[in-house]
Every structure is written in structure tokens, then in C-alpha cells.
Amino acid sequence: MEPLVQMQVTQFECGGFVIGLTFCHSICDGLGAAQFLNAVGELGRGLKQPGVAPVWHRDFFPPSDHQLESVTPLPMLPPPMPGYKLEHANIDISMDQINQLKQQFNESTGLNSSAFEIVAASFWSHRTKAINFEKNTEVKLVFFANCRQMLDPPLPKGFYGNCFFPVTITSSSDWVETASDVDVLKLVQEAKTKLAVEFGKFMEGDHMRNGEDPFAPLSYTTLFISEWGRLGFNQIDYGWGPPVHVVPIQGSSIIPTG
């Protein structure tokens, strides 16, 4: 049985330390994990109770009995991932580069953009060009979005379970390779505006009826991007101040790949 939480603390001779964490994703999502670690830090600093009380509230998801009527069989799983020996890498992108792309997008469209949108669109474009897929291959960009406020009523503060939904952008490899950064970014923003509608369809069980599983395993033609900057890990304080560096470890068990 998979442990709910595992933590390892390694102290260095300089006095610094690193905390490694793995958790059961069935219990909490990224926001929930950060909430848990912040609570550990608050209790470790002597607080009598966490600043945000944990809320279970798992009954928000509607019963699935009515969804099983007229179910369309889900498609076959995608082909297995190529057996490439992938290497873990850290790449720093300066804010000057991001701000330059933001300015370019604003001058072309009159619209604003976030750092995540800029990075996601740029990575998708460059990855597609680098792989050089066969002509007109269907490629996807996928990232998860928090849906706590999209429920009616919204989930209460302190809910630490899973409540996210994938934003999926689909296009042909030819288009992504030749499109400008501005056009790819516009496609990302358009997909985000449809999140509430797509999440509503999922809650109503449309995916069960039409055979489209938004959480299906991903193939090599899909770029999956996860944003960690706003989850709350950079605010955790065990008594020595916030962390100097936060990074996810390499591990396929937390990424929905085929």
C-alpha cells in the first residue's frame, strides 16, 4: 500500500537542510500538499493550530450513477512512450526574456499575458520544431488548472483534495512549427477561457457519454506542463524563513504518461 506521506530531512554541514516529500495524489493535489507543509511549518514554529484549517468536503463531486447511462466505450490507450533515455534538466528563463515576449504580445494584440502563458506557448512551439514530427501530426499542450472556485457553491477555504482539470490545446504540428509566438499564445489563452465550460461538461458526465476522457494517459505528441509557482511551496517556513529553492523531483509516477 502506498504511504499517504513520506518525508526525509537531510542536514548539511553548513547548517542548511533539504526536505524531500512524496505524497499519495489520491489524497491531495499540489495546493493541498502545500497547505499541509505550511501547516507543519506553523505547528513547528509553535502555533497552536494551522492558519488554514483542513477541510475534507469530498462529497462535492456528484454521484456517478446517472453518468453510467449510455456510456460510450473509452478509446484504446495511446501507444507506449518511446524508450528514450531522457535526462533531467533545469533551465532558467530570465524575467527580461519573459517581459520582452509579454511586450511583443501586448503590442500585437493589445492584450496582457502571464509568465506561465508565455513560457508554455514558447516551450510548445520550440519542442514541436525540435522533434520534427511527421507532416500534420496531431500535437497537444496540456496543463492543469485549479477549479475550486468554479463549483457552485465554491469549495471552502482549506479544502486540500484534488480539484483540478486539464486545459488541452490541440493543433497540427505543421501549424505549431510555423505559427508566430503571438499566435500560439493566443491559442493558449483561448483554451483557458473555455475551462469553465469544459469543466462543467465533465461534472455533468459528458466524457462518459462521448468516450472522451480528459485524464487519459498522454502520448509523446503531448507536452505536459505543470506550474508550481503559485501552489504555496515557496511560502513554507519551518522557523528559518521561506525556502531558497523548490523543485519537483524527476518521477514518472506523478506524471500521467502512457
Foldseek 3Di string as FASTA:
>chain_A
DDDQKDWDWDADPVGDIDIDIDGDQQFFDLLLVLQVLQQLLCVLVPDPGHPFAADAPPPLQDDCPVLQPQFDAADDADDAAPPDPDDDDDDDDDVVVLVVVQVVLCVVPVDGDDSVLLVQLVVLLVVLVVVVDDFFDKAKEKEKDACQVLGVNGDDTNHGHDGIFIQMQIGTSVCSNPPDSNVSSVSVVVSVVCVSVVVVCVSVNVCRNVNNDRLGADYPRYHYDYDNPPSNQQQRHNPPGGDPDDDDDDDCVVHRHD
